[in-house]
Amino acid sequence: MGEIVGAGLLAHVPTIVLPDDIRRSLNNGHESTLYTGLHNLRREVFDVLQPDVVLVFDSHWFTTVEFVVTSHQHRTGFYTSDELPRGMSSVPYDFEGSPELAHLIGKIAEDTPECWVTPIDNEHLPLAYATLNFLPFLHDGQKWMSMSVCQTAEQRDFATVGRVVGEAIAQSDLRVALIASGAVSHTFHHLRDLREREAAGEEHIYSPEARDWDHRVIDALLEGDHAQVLAEMDQFLSVKPEGRFGHYQMMAAALGGPACTAPGRLFSQYENSIGTGQVHIWFDRPDHGWTGGQ
């Protein structure tokens, strides 16, 4: 029987993969805790857990008529970002996938009413940096795969897909770590202002409302109150969380949804990235299970 060995809401911001001098210069000479936090996460969590598979809910990968999960046996190549080719250019990647888990997710989805998930192994399927940026920090031979955020999905759809993922993992013989890859609030400053808003301090978050909502969500997650975050999703959407927070919603549903009471551990400070709210929060698997024993 498989299990989810840990899960995290992690920031994939491009600054984490920039050269050290450039990254620090953007933050008034100081190091970003988003960068150091991933190194700490590798040492304190990934090296200890040694998961068989990492499944990334990718908030940069939008599909329209279905969710898609990668089912490649192996992926290798070079990545250049169409969004930021100056900072992420010809980055090599090479990792194994988990077609067995992808096809199990697809099979369970087929048997689940109003759930559409398609495994795809096309060699030309693009990759997004929301999946790739963690590899230099966290990858150590694990199988690595990703799932899209369907842009026409509603909260009930994210919940259904997350439950399907959780069921598929339980039916497998795999130890899986989940990553909800994306920001909390996600509105950028305007082009003519953003270069003055690149430092990590939260005073640079796009608006006071976005900052307040981010803190409310983060505080609830640290307390393990996933029920509050999910219940208040419609209000949180008013400050435009990345990918309509679908990356978190699917992860949370895989962990038990509102019944999950796993408290989070901060692996970074709450940081700004040209207006958007970023943070690393890790959820350890409770001894009594993800759903608080329910």
Protein backbone atom coordinates (compact mmCIF):
# COMPACT_ATOMS: atom_id res chain seq x y z
CA MET A 1 0.00 0.00 0.00
CA GLY A 2 1.36 3.41 -0.97
CA GLU A 3 1.39 6.56 1.10
CA ILE A 4 1.89 10.30 0.94
CA VAL A 5 5.01 10.80 3.03
CA GLY A 6 4.93 14.60 3.06
CA ALA A 7 3.56 17.61 1.24
CA GLY A 8 4.47 21.23 0.74
CA LEU A 9 3.21 24.55 -0.53
CA LEU A 10 6.43 25.78 -2.16
CA ALA A 11 7.44 28.90 -4.09
CA HIS A 12 9.04 28.36 -7.50
CA VAL A 13 10.01 32.00 -8.12
CA PRO A 14 12.73 32.53 -10.76
CA THR A 15 14.99 34.31 -8.26
CA ILE A 16 15.86 30.99 -6.59
CA VAL A 17 17.71 29.83 -9.72
CA LEU A 18 19.50 33.10 -10.50
CA PRO A 19 23.26 33.44 -9.89
CA ASP A 20 24.09 34.32 -6.28
CA ASP A 21 25.25 37.88 -6.99
CA ILE A 22 22.17 38.75 -9.03
CA ARG A 23 19.79 37.18 -6.52
CA ARG A 24 21.30 39.13 -3.63
CA SER A 25 21.45 42.38 -5.58
CA LEU A 26 17.69 42.22 -6.12
CA ASN A 27 17.25 42.00 -2.34
CA ASN A 28 19.52 44.87 -1.29
CA GLY A 29 22.49 42.54 -0.85
CA HIS A 30 20.67 40.04 1.36
CA GLU A 31 20.01 36.37 0.66
CA SER A 32 16.45 35.23 0.00
CA THR A 33 15.04 32.79 2.53
CA LEU A 34 13.22 31.13 -0.38
CA TYR A 35 16.65 30.04 -1.64
CA THR A 36 18.12 28.94 1.70
CA GLY A 37 14.80 27.34 2.67
CA LEU A 38 14.92 24.86 -0.20
CA HIS A 39 18.42 23.79 0.80
CA ASN A 40 17.15 23.28 4.35
CA LEU A 41 14.13 21.36 3.05
CA ARG A 42 16.41 19.03 1.12
CA ARG A 43 18.60 18.34 4.16
CA GLU A 44 15.88 18.13 6.82
CA VAL A 45 13.06 16.49 4.87
CA PHE A 46 13.86 15.02 1.46
CA ASP A 47 17.13 13.38 2.46
CA VAL A 48 15.31 11.82 5.41
CA LEU A 49 12.09 10.76 3.68
CA GLN A 50 13.68 9.64 0.41
CA PRO A 51 10.36 9.46 -1.47
CA ASP A 52 10.02 7.21 -4.51
CA VAL A 53 8.06 9.83 -6.45
CA VAL A 54 7.54 13.59 -6.30
CA LEU A 55 4.27 14.82 -7.80
CA VAL A 56 4.13 18.55 -8.53
CA PHE A 57 0.81 20.37 -8.87
CA ASP A 58 2.06 22.95 -11.37
CA SER A 59 0.37 26.37 -11.19
CA HIS A 60 2.11 27.47 -14.42
CA TRP A 61 0.68 24.63 -16.49
CA PHE A 62 -2.85 25.51 -17.58
CA THR A 63 -5.06 23.06 -19.43
CA THR A 64 -8.62 23.76 -20.53
CA VAL A 65 -10.91 20.75 -20.99
CA GLU A 66 -9.28 18.33 -18.53
CA PHE A 67 -6.51 17.88 -16.01
CA VAL A 68 -3.33 16.32 -17.42
CA VAL A 69 -0.73 14.28 -15.56
CA THR A 70 2.66 13.51 -17.09
CA SER A 71 3.22 9.80 -17.74
CA HIS A 72 6.71 9.84 -19.25
CA GLN A 73 9.20 7.12 -18.41
CA HIS A 74 12.06 9.57 -18.74
CA ARG A 75 12.49 13.24 -19.59
CA THR A 76 15.69 14.95 -20.63
CA GLY A 77 16.52 18.13 -22.48
CA PHE A 78 17.08 21.84 -22.04
CA TYR A 79 14.60 24.39 -20.77
CA THR A 80 14.35 28.05 -21.77
CA SER A 81 11.51 30.04 -20.27
CA ASP A 82 9.33 31.93 -22.73
CA GLU A 83 8.43 34.27 -19.86
CA LEU A 84 11.95 34.99 -18.59
CA PRO A 85 14.51 33.73 -21.11
CA ARG A 86 17.20 36.04 -19.75
CA GLY A 87 17.13 34.33 -16.36
CA MET A 88 16.22 30.75 -17.28
CA SER A 89 18.02 29.84 -20.48
CA SER A 90 19.05 26.39 -21.77
CA VAL A 91 18.79 24.84 -18.31
CA PRO A 92 19.47 21.07 -18.53
CA TYR A 93 17.09 18.58 -16.96
CA ASP A 94 17.19 14.80 -16.74
CA PHE A 95 14.83 12.74 -14.58
CA GLU A 96 12.71 9.60 -14.51
CA GLY A 97 8.92 9.74 -14.40
CA SER A 98 6.30 7.42 -12.93
CA PRO A 99 4.01 6.20 -15.72
CA GLU A 100 2.59 3.56 -13.38
CA LEU A 101 1.25 6.20 -10.97
CA ALA A 102 0.08 8.46 -13.80
CA HIS A 103 -1.95 5.67 -15.41
CA LEU A 104 -3.39 4.62 -12.06
CA ILE A 105 -4.55 8.21 -11.51
CA GLY A 106 -6.09 8.18 -14.99
CA LYS A 107 -7.85 4.86 -14.40
CA ILE A 108 -9.40 5.97 -11.11
CA ALA A 109 -10.44 9.25 -12.72
CA GLU A 110 -12.24 7.29 -15.47
CA ASP A 111 -14.28 5.56 -12.80
CA THR A 112 -15.04 8.80 -10.94
CA PRO A 113 -18.09 10.84 -12.01
CA GLU A 114 -17.34 14.30 -13.38
CA CYS A 115 -13.58 13.83 -13.23
CA TRP A 116 -11.37 14.22 -16.29
CA VAL A 117 -7.66 13.42 -16.00
CA THR A 118 -5.56 12.29 -18.96
CA PRO A 119 -2.04 10.83 -18.67
CA ILE A 120 0.19 12.19 -21.45
CA ASP A 121 3.68 10.98 -22.37
CA ASN A 122 4.24 12.95 -25.60
CA GLU A 123 7.94 13.67 -25.91
CA HIS A 124 7.26 17.23 -27.09
CA LEU A 125 4.99 18.17 -24.18
CA PRO A 126 6.42 21.42 -22.77
CA LEU A 127 7.64 21.72 -19.20
CA ALA A 128 7.09 24.71 -16.93
CA TYR A 129 9.57 26.18 -14.48
CA ALA A 130 7.04 25.67 -11.68
CA THR A 131 8.00 22.01 -12.01
CA LEU A 132 11.66 22.34 -12.95
CA ASN A 133 12.96 25.01 -10.57
CA PHE A 134 12.94 22.65 -7.59
CA LEU A 135 15.14 20.05 -9.27
CA PRO A 136 18.52 21.65 -8.42
CA PHE A 137 17.50 21.78 -4.76
CA LEU A 138 15.38 18.69 -4.09
CA HIS A 139 15.95 16.09 -6.78
CA ASP A 140 18.16 13.14 -5.88
CA GLY A 141 17.08 10.35 -8.18
CA GLN A 142 13.38 10.32 -7.26
CA LYS A 143 10.85 9.92 -10.03
CA TRP A 144 9.43 13.35 -10.85
CA MET A 145 6.06 14.12 -12.44
CA SER A 146 3.57 16.95 -12.64
CA MET A 147 -0.14 17.66 -12.94
CA SER A 148 -1.77 20.63 -14.61
CA VAL A 149 -4.17 23.17 -13.17
CA CYS A 150 -7.31 23.10 -15.32
CA GLN A 151 -8.25 26.73 -15.91
CA THR A 152 -11.97 25.96 -16.25
CA ALA A 153 -12.11 23.97 -13.01
CA GLU A 154 -14.00 25.02 -9.91
CA GLN A 155 -13.25 24.29 -6.27
CA ARG A 156 -15.28 21.03 -6.43
CA ASP A 157 -13.17 19.87 -9.39
CA PHE A 158 -9.87 20.52 -7.64
CA ALA A 159 -11.23 18.58 -4.66
CA THR A 160 -12.29 15.64 -6.81
CA VAL A 161 -8.94 15.43 -8.61
CA GLY A 162 -7.03 15.70 -5.35
CA ARG A 163 -9.05 12.84 -3.86
CA VAL A 164 -8.36 10.74 -6.97
CA VAL A 165 -4.63 11.41 -6.61
CA GLY A 166 -4.75 10.40 -2.95
CA GLU A 167 -6.65 7.20 -3.77
CA ALA A 168 -4.21 6.31 -6.56
CA ILE A 169 -1.23 6.73 -4.26
CA ALA A 170 -2.91 4.57 -1.62
CA GLN A 171 -3.51 1.82 -4.20
CA SER A 172 0.10 1.95 -5.40
CA ASP A 173 3.19 0.66 -3.65
CA LEU A 174 4.87 4.07 -3.81
CA ARG A 175 6.00 6.58 -1.20
CA VAL A 176 5.06 9.94 -2.68
CA ALA A 177 5.82 13.54 -1.77
CA LEU A 178 3.43 16.20 -3.04
CA ILE A 179 4.43 19.74 -4.00
CA ALA A 180 1.84 22.46 -4.52
CA SER A 181 4.03 24.72 -6.64
CA GLY A 182 2.92 28.33 -6.58
CA ALA A 183 2.41 31.58 -4.77
CA VAL A 184 -0.24 32.81 -2.41
CA SER A 185 -1.48 36.21 -3.70
CA HIS A 186 -0.21 36.78 -7.21
CA THR A 187 -0.53 40.26 -8.69
CA PHE A 188 2.53 41.92 -10.22
CA HIS A 189 3.44 45.56 -9.99
CA HIS A 190 3.34 47.52 -13.23
CA LEU A 191 6.38 47.42 -15.49
CA ARG A 192 7.50 50.97 -14.72
CA ASP A 193 7.29 50.34 -10.95
CA LEU A 194 8.41 46.76 -10.46
CA ARG A 195 12.18 47.38 -10.48
CA GLU A 196 11.71 49.39 -7.32
CA ARG A 197 9.70 46.53 -5.78
CA GLU A 198 12.05 43.56 -6.21
CA ALA A 199 13.30 43.24 -2.63
CA ALA A 200 11.82 40.50 -0.45
CA GLY A 201 10.24 42.73 2.21
CA GLU A 202 6.50 42.32 2.52
CA GLU A 203 6.01 46.08 2.26
CA HIS A 204 6.39 45.49 -1.47
CA ILE A 205 3.41 43.10 -1.71
CA TYR A 206 0.95 44.43 -4.28
CA SER A 207 -1.73 45.62 -1.82
CA PRO A 208 -2.52 45.65 1.91
CA GLU A 209 -5.51 43.40 1.18
CA ALA A 210 -3.32 40.82 -0.52
CA ARG A 211 -0.81 40.93 2.31
CA ASP A 212 -3.53 40.53 4.96
CA TRP A 213 -5.11 37.58 3.17
CA ASP A 214 -1.74 35.91 2.69
CA HIS A 215 -1.04 36.15 6.40
CA ARG A 216 -4.49 34.79 7.22
CA VAL A 217 -3.94 31.78 4.96
CA ILE A 218 -0.38 31.17 6.15
CA ASP A 219 -1.39 31.39 9.82
CA ALA A 220 -4.21 28.89 9.27
CA LEU A 221 -1.89 26.47 7.47
CA LEU A 222 0.68 26.64 10.24
CA GLU A 223 -2.09 25.73 12.68
CA GLY A 224 -3.24 22.86 10.48
CA ASP A 225 -6.58 24.54 9.85
CA HIS A 226 -6.97 23.43 6.24
CA ALA A 227 -10.74 23.56 6.73
CA GLN A 228 -10.60 27.33 7.23
CA VAL A 229 -8.48 27.90 4.12
CA LEU A 230 -10.79 25.79 1.96
CA ALA A 231 -13.96 27.32 3.43
CA GLU A 232 -12.68 30.84 2.73
CA MET A 233 -11.43 30.11 -0.78
CA ASP A 234 -13.98 32.35 -2.51
CA GLN A 235 -12.88 35.32 -0.39
CA PHE A 236 -9.19 34.54 -0.85
CA LEU A 237 -9.71 34.52 -4.62
CA SER A 238 -10.44 38.24 -4.40
CA VAL A 239 -6.67 38.87 -4.10
CA LYS A 240 -5.91 36.54 -7.04
CA PRO A 241 -3.83 33.69 -5.60
CA GLU A 242 -1.73 32.01 -8.25
CA GLY A 243 -3.62 29.52 -10.40
CA ARG A 244 -6.76 30.24 -8.34
CA PHE A 245 -4.85 28.33 -5.64
CA GLY A 246 -5.63 25.14 -7.52
CA HIS A 247 -2.18 23.78 -6.71
CA TYR A 248 -2.93 23.94 -2.98
CA GLN A 249 -6.55 22.80 -3.36
CA MET A 250 -5.54 19.57 -5.10
CA MET A 251 -2.78 18.87 -2.59
CA ALA A 252 -5.11 19.52 0.34
CA ALA A 253 -7.78 17.22 -1.09
CA ALA A 254 -5.21 14.44 -1.47
CA LEU A 255 -4.41 14.85 2.22
CA GLY A 256 -8.04 14.60 3.30
CA GLY A 257 -9.48 18.03 2.49
CA PRO A 258 -11.15 19.91 5.36
CA ALA A 259 -10.58 16.90 7.65
CA CYS A 260 -6.81 17.28 7.34
CA THR A 261 -5.32 18.84 10.47
CA ALA A 262 -1.61 18.53 9.67
CA PRO A 263 0.18 21.70 10.85
CA GLY A 264 2.70 23.34 8.56
CA ARG A 265 6.37 24.14 9.16
CA LEU A 266 7.84 27.30 7.70
CA PHE A 267 10.91 26.79 5.56
CA SER A 268 11.10 30.44 4.57
CA GLN A 269 9.89 33.82 5.58
CA TYR A 270 6.90 35.33 3.79
CA GLU A 271 8.55 37.18 0.90
CA ASN A 272 7.60 39.52 -1.90
CA SER A 273 8.40 38.87 -5.55
CA ILE A 274 7.52 42.02 -7.55
CA GLY A 275 4.15 42.19 -5.79
CA THR A 276 3.34 38.51 -5.32
CA GLY A 277 3.33 36.66 -2.00
CA GLN A 278 5.73 33.71 -1.68
CA VAL A 279 6.41 31.18 1.07
CA HIS A 280 7.61 27.61 1.70
CA ILE A 281 5.38 25.60 4.08
CA TRP A 282 5.93 21.88 4.65
CA PHE A 283 3.40 19.44 6.10
CA ASP A 284 4.79 16.33 7.79
CA ARG A 285 2.68 13.21 7.75
CA PRO A 286 1.02 12.93 11.20
CA ASP A 287 1.43 9.68 13.09
CA HIS A 288 -2.37 9.26 13.04
CA GLY A 289 -2.64 9.98 9.30
CA TRP A 290 -3.46 13.01 7.20
CA THR A 291 -7.11 13.34 8.14
CA GLY A 292 -6.64 13.69 11.87
CA GLY A 293 -7.62 10.07 12.46
CA GLN A 294 -11.07 10.52 10.89
